[in-house]
Amino acid sequence: MRTLCSSTLIGEFFVIGFAGLVAMKDPDLSTGTVWTVCGIAMAVSVLLCGVITRPGGVQLGWALQIALIAAGFVVPSMFFLGAVFAALWWASVHYGRKIDEAKARFAAAEGNESSPA
């Protein structure tokens, strides 16, 4: 699960950065505000890569997905990109857990074969 979720989070890191570039063109937003918010969101996406397997890591990831969708109120294309990354996040969590379970079954079966009977 860690690999799939981390890949999604790193992709989000770049999307957040590009959204910040787009948001800078809004005359109602200051550059400092845009980059403070984007910088925090980018840092969260990278830090989540390290804590994804800990309790609450997946829930924090979902909070980031909601924030990305909500960013659509500032940069309208983020409604679409946020939804795409939320779907990718769901797939990463769902299939990542299935892969982890399959790896555990394979390791258990391999361990039973190598032990002397």
Protein backbone atom coordinates (compact mmCIF):
# COMPACT_ATOMS: atom_id res chain seq x y z
CA MET A 1 0.00 0.00 0.00
CA ARG A 2 2.86 2.34 0.82
CA THR A 3 4.19 2.41 -2.75
CA LEU A 4 0.87 3.10 -4.43
CA CYS A 5 -0.21 5.74 -1.92
CA SER A 6 3.18 7.45 -1.97
CA SER A 7 3.09 7.63 -5.75
CA THR A 8 -0.31 9.31 -5.61
CA LEU A 9 0.88 11.75 -2.95
CA ILE A 10 3.98 12.72 -4.94
CA GLY A 11 1.77 13.33 -7.98
CA GLU A 12 -0.39 15.57 -5.81
CA PHE A 13 2.72 17.45 -4.70
CA PHE A 14 3.31 18.55 -8.29
CA VAL A 15 -0.36 19.29 -8.97
CA ILE A 16 -0.53 21.51 -5.89
CA GLY A 17 2.56 23.38 -7.07
CA PHE A 18 1.09 23.93 -10.52
CA ALA A 19 -2.22 25.01 -9.00
CA GLY A 20 -0.27 27.58 -6.99
CA LEU A 21 1.17 28.98 -10.21
CA VAL A 22 -2.34 29.29 -11.63
CA ALA A 23 -3.69 30.84 -8.41
CA MET A 24 -0.99 33.52 -8.50
CA LYS A 25 -2.69 35.01 -11.55
CA ASP A 26 -5.76 35.84 -9.43
CA PRO A 27 -5.47 39.55 -8.57
CA ASP A 28 -7.48 39.05 -5.36
CA LEU A 29 -4.88 36.69 -3.87
CA SER A 30 -1.49 37.73 -2.57
CA THR A 31 1.54 35.76 -3.63
CA GLY A 32 2.48 35.15 0.00
CA THR A 33 -0.92 33.68 0.82
CA VAL A 34 -0.92 31.44 -2.24
CA TRP A 35 2.53 30.03 -1.52
CA THR A 36 1.92 29.67 2.20
CA VAL A 37 -1.18 27.55 1.57
CA CYS A 38 0.41 25.65 -1.31
CA GLY A 39 3.64 25.14 0.61
CA ILE A 40 1.82 23.68 3.58
CA ALA A 41 -0.25 21.39 1.33
CA MET A 42 2.87 20.30 -0.56
CA ALA A 43 4.71 19.59 2.70
CA VAL A 44 1.73 17.58 3.98
CA SER A 45 1.67 15.50 0.81
CA VAL A 46 5.35 14.63 1.17
CA LEU A 47 5.16 13.99 4.92
CA LEU A 48 2.18 11.71 4.42
CA CYS A 49 4.40 9.43 2.34
CA GLY A 50 6.29 8.59 5.52
CA VAL A 51 3.30 8.04 7.80
CA ILE A 52 0.88 6.37 5.43
CA THR A 53 1.10 2.98 7.15
CA ARG A 54 0.70 4.42 10.64
CA PRO A 55 -2.69 4.77 12.33
CA GLY A 56 -4.54 7.73 10.89
CA GLY A 57 -2.30 8.05 7.83
CA VAL A 58 -4.98 7.03 5.36
CA GLN A 59 -7.49 9.36 7.03
CA LEU A 60 -5.05 12.26 6.72
CA GLY A 61 -4.71 11.36 3.07
CA TRP A 62 -8.48 11.59 2.67
CA ALA A 63 -8.40 15.02 4.33
CA LEU A 64 -5.84 16.11 1.74
CA GLN A 65 -8.10 14.82 -1.03
CA ILE A 66 -11.00 16.88 0.31
CA ALA A 67 -8.74 19.94 0.49
CA LEU A 68 -7.68 19.42 -3.12
CA ILE A 69 -11.29 19.29 -4.26
CA ALA A 70 -12.11 22.36 -2.16
CA ALA A 71 -9.24 24.18 -3.88
CA GLY A 72 -11.55 24.27 -6.87
CA PHE A 73 -13.20 27.31 -5.35
CA VAL A 74 -9.94 29.19 -5.99
CA VAL A 75 -8.70 27.36 -9.11
CA PRO A 76 -11.76 25.82 -10.84
CA SER A 77 -9.76 23.12 -12.62
CA MET A 78 -8.95 21.69 -9.18
CA PHE A 79 -12.52 20.40 -8.90
CA PHE A 80 -11.67 17.98 -11.71
CA LEU A 81 -8.07 17.29 -10.69
CA GLY A 82 -9.07 16.86 -7.04
CA ALA A 83 -11.73 14.33 -8.04
CA VAL A 84 -9.22 12.47 -10.22
CA PHE A 85 -6.69 12.31 -7.38
CA ALA A 86 -9.39 11.27 -4.91
CA ALA A 87 -10.20 8.36 -7.23
CA LEU A 88 -6.51 7.53 -7.49
CA TRP A 89 -6.23 7.73 -3.69
CA TRP A 90 -9.13 5.32 -3.29
CA ALA A 91 -7.56 2.92 -5.81
CA SER A 92 -4.16 3.20 -4.11
CA VAL A 93 -5.62 2.37 -0.70
CA HIS A 94 -7.99 -0.33 -1.95
CA TYR A 95 -5.61 -2.19 -4.24
CA GLY A 96 -2.60 -1.50 -2.02
CA ARG A 97 -4.29 -3.36 0.82
CA LYS A 98 -5.12 -6.26 -1.51
CA ILE A 99 -1.49 -6.42 -2.64
CA ASP A 100 -0.30 -6.36 0.98
CA GLU A 101 -2.68 -9.23 1.83
CA ALA A 102 -1.47 -11.24 -1.17
CA LYS A 103 2.16 -10.66 -0.19
CA ALA A 104 1.41 -11.83 3.35
CA ARG A 105 -0.31 -14.98 2.06
CA PHE A 106 2.60 -15.66 -0.29
CA ALA A 107 5.15 -15.16 2.50
CA ALA A 108 3.17 -17.44 4.82
CA ALA A 109 2.91 -20.13 2.16
CA GLU A 110 6.60 -19.83 1.38
CA GLY A 111 7.45 -20.04 5.08
CA ASN A 112 5.42 -23.26 5.44
CA GLU A 113 7.20 -24.85 2.50
CA SER A 114 10.69 -24.06 3.75
CA SER A 115 10.14 -25.28 7.33
CA PRO A 116 11.15 -28.90 7.99
CA ALA A 117 8.20 -31.24 8.51
